[in-house]
Amino acid sequence: MAAQRRELTKREQYVAGWRSFLLAGLMMCGWAGYEYYRITDFETHRRLILWWKLFDDLYHWGGKWAVVGFLLSIAAVFFITSGLMLAKLRSMPADEQQPAA
């Protein structure tokens, strides 16, 4: 017998959403740090580095800070979205329990 899934309320959707965007932003910050140290190692020891074409273009345009800045700007978008969702969640009435459409 298959379990039935219940629909999430709008409040539950916003709770899951802001936490997910916050986690994604933190992960992007971690990735930016990883890329910074990886590129620093590449510049110091001239080891082979494999990465996306976009990162290669950014590196040739602005160095390691262009790559790190790109990743941190994406993280900033995630943090802003998370904050907006949290603000919307706090402005919701607590008794809003109807399932989302």
N, C-alpha and C. Protein backbone atom coordinates (compact mmCIF):
# COMPACT_ATOMS: atom_id res chain seq x y z
N MET A 1 0.84 -1.16 0.00
CA MET A 1 0.00 0.00 0.00
C MET A 1 0.90 1.24 0.00
N ALA A 2 0.69 2.10 -0.97
CA ALA A 2 1.52 3.30 -1.11
C ALA A 2 1.06 4.37 -0.13
N ALA A 3 2.04 5.02 0.46
CA ALA A 3 1.72 6.11 1.40
C ALA A 3 1.28 7.34 0.62
N GLN A 4 0.28 8.01 1.13
CA GLN A 4 -0.20 9.21 0.47
C GLN A 4 0.59 10.41 0.98
N ARG A 5 0.95 11.27 0.05
CA ARG A 5 1.67 12.48 0.41
C ARG A 5 0.67 13.59 0.66
N ARG A 6 0.87 14.30 1.74
CA ARG A 6 0.00 15.43 2.00
C ARG A 6 0.62 16.67 1.36
N GLU A 7 -0.22 17.61 1.01
CA GLU A 7 0.27 18.84 0.41
C GLU A 7 0.84 19.75 1.50
N LEU A 8 1.91 20.43 1.17
CA LEU A 8 2.51 21.35 2.12
C LEU A 8 1.73 22.65 2.16
N THR A 9 1.65 23.24 3.33
CA THR A 9 1.04 24.55 3.44
C THR A 9 2.02 25.60 2.91
N LYS A 10 1.51 26.79 2.67
CA LYS A 10 2.40 27.86 2.20
C LYS A 10 3.50 28.14 3.23
N ARG A 11 3.14 28.09 4.49
CA ARG A 11 4.12 28.32 5.55
C ARG A 11 5.24 27.27 5.48
N GLU A 12 4.87 26.03 5.32
CA GLU A 12 5.87 24.96 5.24
C GLU A 12 6.75 25.11 4.00
N GLN A 13 6.15 25.58 2.90
CA GLN A 13 6.93 25.80 1.69
C GLN A 13 7.95 26.91 1.89
N TYR A 14 7.57 27.99 2.56
CA TYR A 14 8.50 29.08 2.81
C TYR A 14 9.59 28.67 3.80
N VAL A 15 9.24 27.86 4.80
CA VAL A 15 10.25 27.38 5.75
C VAL A 15 11.28 26.54 5.02
N ALA A 16 10.83 25.61 4.18
CA ALA A 16 11.76 24.77 3.42
C ALA A 16 12.55 25.61 2.43
N GLY A 17 11.90 26.60 1.83
CA GLY A 17 12.56 27.42 0.81
C GLY A 17 13.68 28.28 1.36
N TRP A 18 13.42 29.00 2.46
CA TRP A 18 14.48 29.89 2.95
C TRP A 18 15.66 29.10 3.49
N ARG A 19 15.38 27.95 4.08
CA ARG A 19 16.49 27.11 4.57
C ARG A 19 17.31 26.55 3.41
N SER A 20 16.63 26.16 2.35
CA SER A 20 17.33 25.61 1.18
C SER A 20 18.21 26.67 0.52
N PHE A 21 17.68 27.88 0.36
CA PHE A 21 18.48 28.94 -0.25
C PHE A 21 19.65 29.34 0.65
N LEU A 22 19.46 29.33 1.96
CA LEU A 22 20.54 29.63 2.88
C LEU A 22 21.64 28.57 2.77
N LEU A 23 21.25 27.31 2.73
CA LEU A 23 22.21 26.22 2.59
C LEU A 23 22.95 26.31 1.25
N ALA A 24 22.23 26.63 0.18
CA ALA A 24 22.86 26.77 -1.13
C ALA A 24 23.87 27.92 -1.12
N GLY A 25 23.54 29.03 -0.47
CA GLY A 25 24.48 30.14 -0.37
C GLY A 25 25.73 29.77 0.40
N LEU A 26 25.56 29.04 1.50
CA LEU A 26 26.72 28.59 2.27
C LEU A 26 27.60 27.64 1.47
N MET A 27 26.96 26.78 0.69
CA MET A 27 27.72 25.86 -0.15
C MET A 27 28.49 26.62 -1.24
N MET A 28 27.90 27.66 -1.79
CA MET A 28 28.59 28.46 -2.80
C MET A 28 29.80 29.18 -2.19
N CYS A 29 29.66 29.64 -0.94
CA CYS A 29 30.80 30.26 -0.27
C CYS A 29 31.92 29.25 -0.06
N GLY A 30 31.56 28.04 0.30
CA GLY A 30 32.56 26.98 0.44
C GLY A 30 33.23 26.65 -0.87
N TRP A 31 32.45 26.61 -1.95
CA TRP A 31 33.01 26.34 -3.27
C TRP A 31 33.96 27.47 -3.69
N ALA A 32 33.59 28.72 -3.38
CA ALA A 32 34.45 29.85 -3.72
C ALA A 32 35.79 29.74 -2.97
N GLY A 33 35.73 29.36 -1.71
CA GLY A 33 36.97 29.16 -0.95
C GLY A 33 37.82 28.04 -1.52
N TYR A 34 37.17 26.96 -1.91
CA TYR A 34 37.88 25.84 -2.51
C TYR A 34 38.56 26.27 -3.81
N GLU A 35 37.85 27.00 -4.65
CA GLU A 35 38.42 27.45 -5.92
C GLU A 35 39.57 28.42 -5.68
N TYR A 36 39.45 29.28 -4.67
CA TYR A 36 40.53 30.21 -4.36
C TYR A 36 41.82 29.45 -4.04
N TYR A 37 41.73 28.47 -3.15
CA TYR A 37 42.92 27.71 -2.79
C TYR A 37 43.42 26.84 -3.93
N ARG A 38 42.51 26.33 -4.72
CA ARG A 38 42.90 25.52 -5.88
C ARG A 38 43.65 26.37 -6.91
N ILE A 39 43.14 27.58 -7.18
CA ILE A 39 43.80 28.45 -8.15
C ILE A 39 45.14 28.95 -7.60
N THR A 40 45.19 29.23 -6.30
CA THR A 40 46.44 29.65 -5.68
C THR A 40 47.49 28.55 -5.82
N ASP A 41 47.09 27.30 -5.61
CA ASP A 41 48.01 26.17 -5.78
C ASP A 41 48.46 26.07 -7.23
N PHE A 42 47.54 26.30 -8.16
CA PHE A 42 47.88 26.26 -9.58
C PHE A 42 48.90 27.35 -9.92
N GLU A 43 48.69 28.56 -9.39
CA GLU A 43 49.60 29.67 -9.69
C GLU A 43 50.97 29.46 -9.04
N THR A 44 51.01 28.81 -7.90
CA THR A 44 52.26 28.59 -7.19
C THR A 44 53.08 27.47 -7.81
N HIS A 45 52.43 26.34 -8.08
CA HIS A 45 53.15 25.15 -8.53
C HIS A 45 52.95 24.82 -10.00
N ARG A 46 52.15 25.56 -10.70
CA ARG A 46 51.87 25.34 -12.12
C ARG A 46 51.41 23.91 -12.41
N ARG A 47 50.50 23.44 -11.58
CA ARG A 47 49.93 22.12 -11.80
C ARG A 47 48.77 22.22 -12.77
N LEU A 48 48.45 21.12 -13.41
CA LEU A 48 47.33 21.08 -14.34
C LEU A 48 46.03 21.29 -13.57
N ILE A 49 45.18 22.13 -14.09
CA ILE A 49 43.89 22.38 -13.44
C ILE A 49 42.80 22.19 -14.49
N LEU A 50 41.81 21.41 -14.14
CA LEU A 50 40.68 21.16 -15.04
C LEU A 50 39.45 21.83 -14.47
N TRP A 51 38.76 22.61 -15.30
CA TRP A 51 37.56 23.28 -14.84
C TRP A 51 36.70 23.68 -16.01
N TRP A 52 35.63 24.36 -15.72
CA TRP A 52 34.69 24.75 -16.76
C TRP A 52 35.24 25.85 -17.62
N LYS A 53 34.75 25.93 -18.85
CA LYS A 53 35.18 26.98 -19.78
C LYS A 53 34.88 28.36 -19.22
N LEU A 54 33.76 28.53 -18.54
CA LEU A 54 33.42 29.82 -17.96
C LEU A 54 34.47 30.26 -16.95
N PHE A 55 34.93 29.34 -16.10
CA PHE A 55 35.95 29.68 -15.12
C PHE A 55 37.26 30.04 -15.82
N ASP A 56 37.57 29.35 -16.90
CA ASP A 56 38.79 29.65 -17.65
C ASP A 56 38.72 31.06 -18.23
N ASP A 57 37.58 31.42 -18.81
CA ASP A 57 37.42 32.76 -19.35
C ASP A 57 37.49 33.82 -18.26
N LEU A 58 36.84 33.56 -17.14
CA LEU A 58 36.90 34.50 -16.02
C LEU A 58 38.32 34.65 -15.49
N TYR A 59 39.04 33.55 -15.42
CA TYR A 59 40.42 33.60 -14.91
C TYR A 59 41.30 34.43 -15.83
N HIS A 60 41.15 34.23 -17.14
CA HIS A 60 41.97 35.00 -18.09
C HIS A 60 41.55 36.47 -18.12
N TRP A 61 40.31 36.76 -17.80
CA TRP A 61 39.83 38.14 -17.78
C TRP A 61 40.25 38.88 -16.52
N GLY A 62 40.08 38.23 -15.36
CA GLY A 62 40.32 38.96 -14.12
C GLY A 62 41.08 38.21 -13.05
N GLY A 63 41.66 37.08 -13.37
CA GLY A 63 42.42 36.34 -12.38
C GLY A 63 41.52 35.55 -11.43
N LYS A 64 42.14 35.09 -10.35
CA LYS A 64 41.40 34.24 -9.42
C LYS A 64 40.27 34.99 -8.74
N TRP A 65 40.42 36.31 -8.57
CA TRP A 65 39.36 37.07 -7.90
C TRP A 65 38.11 37.19 -8.76
N ALA A 66 38.25 37.09 -10.06
CA ALA A 66 37.06 37.09 -10.92
C ALA A 66 36.27 35.80 -10.72
N VAL A 67 36.97 34.69 -10.61
CA VAL A 67 36.30 33.40 -10.39
C VAL A 67 35.64 33.39 -9.02
N VAL A 68 36.38 33.81 -8.01
CA VAL A 68 35.84 33.83 -6.64
C VAL A 68 34.69 34.82 -6.54
N GLY A 69 34.83 35.98 -7.14
CA GLY A 69 33.77 36.99 -7.12
C GLY A 69 32.51 36.51 -7.81
N PHE A 70 32.66 35.77 -8.90
CA PHE A 70 31.50 35.22 -9.60
C PHE A 70 30.74 34.25 -8.68
N LEU A 71 31.47 33.36 -8.02
CA LEU A 71 30.82 32.40 -7.13
C LEU A 71 30.18 33.09 -5.93
N LEU A 72 30.85 34.10 -5.40
CA LEU A 72 30.29 34.82 -4.25
C LEU A 72 29.08 35.67 -4.64
N SER A 73 29.04 36.14 -5.88
CA SER A 73 27.86 36.89 -6.32
C SER A 73 26.65 35.96 -6.44
N ILE A 74 26.87 34.73 -6.87
CA ILE A 74 25.77 33.76 -6.89
C ILE A 74 25.33 33.46 -5.47
N ALA A 75 26.28 33.32 -4.55
CA ALA A 75 25.95 33.09 -3.14
C ALA A 75 25.13 34.25 -2.59
N ALA A 76 25.48 35.47 -2.98
CA ALA A 76 24.74 36.65 -2.51
C ALA A 76 23.29 36.60 -2.99
N VAL A 77 23.08 36.16 -4.21
CA VAL A 77 21.70 36.03 -4.72
C VAL A 77 20.93 35.02 -3.88
N PHE A 78 21.57 33.91 -3.54
CA PHE A 78 20.91 32.91 -2.70
C PHE A 78 20.60 33.48 -1.31
N PHE A 79 21.53 34.22 -0.72
CA PHE A 79 21.30 34.81 0.60
C PHE A 79 20.18 35.84 0.57
N ILE A 80 20.14 36.66 -0.47
CA ILE A 80 19.08 37.66 -0.59
C ILE A 80 17.72 36.98 -0.74
N THR A 81 17.66 35.96 -1.58
CA THR A 81 16.41 35.22 -1.76
C THR A 81 15.98 34.57 -0.46
N SER A 82 16.92 34.00 0.28
CA SER A 82 16.61 33.39 1.56
C SER A 82 16.06 34.42 2.54
N GLY A 83 16.69 35.59 2.58
CA GLY A 83 16.22 36.64 3.47
C GLY A 83 14.83 37.14 3.11
N LEU A 84 14.57 37.27 1.82
CA LEU A 84 13.24 37.70 1.39
C LEU A 84 12.17 36.66 1.74
N MET A 85 12.52 35.40 1.58
CA MET A 85 11.57 34.34 1.94
C MET A 85 11.33 34.31 3.45
N LEU A 86 12.37 34.54 4.22
CA LEU A 86 12.22 34.57 5.68
C LEU A 86 11.36 35.77 6.10
N ALA A 87 11.56 36.91 5.46
CA ALA A 87 10.75 38.09 5.77
C ALA A 87 9.28 37.84 5.42
N LYS A 88 9.04 37.20 4.29
CA LYS A 88 7.67 36.87 3.90
C LYS A 88 7.06 35.87 4.89
N LEU A 89 7.86 34.91 5.34
CA LEU A 89 7.39 33.93 6.30
C LEU A 89 7.00 34.59 7.62
N ARG A 90 7.81 35.53 8.08
CA ARG A 90 7.51 36.20 9.35
C ARG A 90 6.31 37.12 9.26
N SER A 91 6.00 37.59 8.04
CA SER A 91 4.83 38.46 7.90
C SER A 91 3.54 37.67 7.69
N MET A 92 3.65 36.36 7.51
CA MET A 92 2.46 35.52 7.33
C MET A 92 1.74 35.35 8.66
N PRO A 93 0.44 35.28 8.62
CA PRO A 93 -0.28 34.95 9.85
C PRO A 93 0.02 33.50 10.26
N ALA A 94 0.10 33.26 11.53
CA ALA A 94 0.47 31.93 12.02
C ALA A 94 -0.58 30.88 11.73
N ASP A 95 -1.82 31.30 11.52
CA ASP A 95 -2.89 30.31 11.33
C ASP A 95 -3.13 30.01 9.86
N GLU A 96 -2.25 30.41 8.97
CA GLU A 96 -2.45 30.12 7.55
C GLU A 96 -2.06 28.66 7.29
N GLN A 97 -3.03 27.79 7.27
CA GLN A 97 -2.78 26.36 7.17
C GLN A 97 -3.38 25.72 5.92
N GLN A 98 -3.93 26.50 5.00
CA GLN A 98 -4.51 25.89 3.81
C GLN A 98 -3.38 25.44 2.86
N PRO A 99 -3.59 24.29 2.22
CA PRO A 99 -2.58 23.79 1.30
C PRO A 99 -2.40 24.73 0.12
N ALA A 100 -1.17 24.76 -0.39
CA ALA A 100 -0.88 25.62 -1.54
C ALA A 100 -1.56 25.06 -2.79
N ALA A 101 -1.91 25.95 -3.68
CA ALA A 101 -2.58 25.52 -4.92
C ALA A 101 -1.60 25.03 -5.92
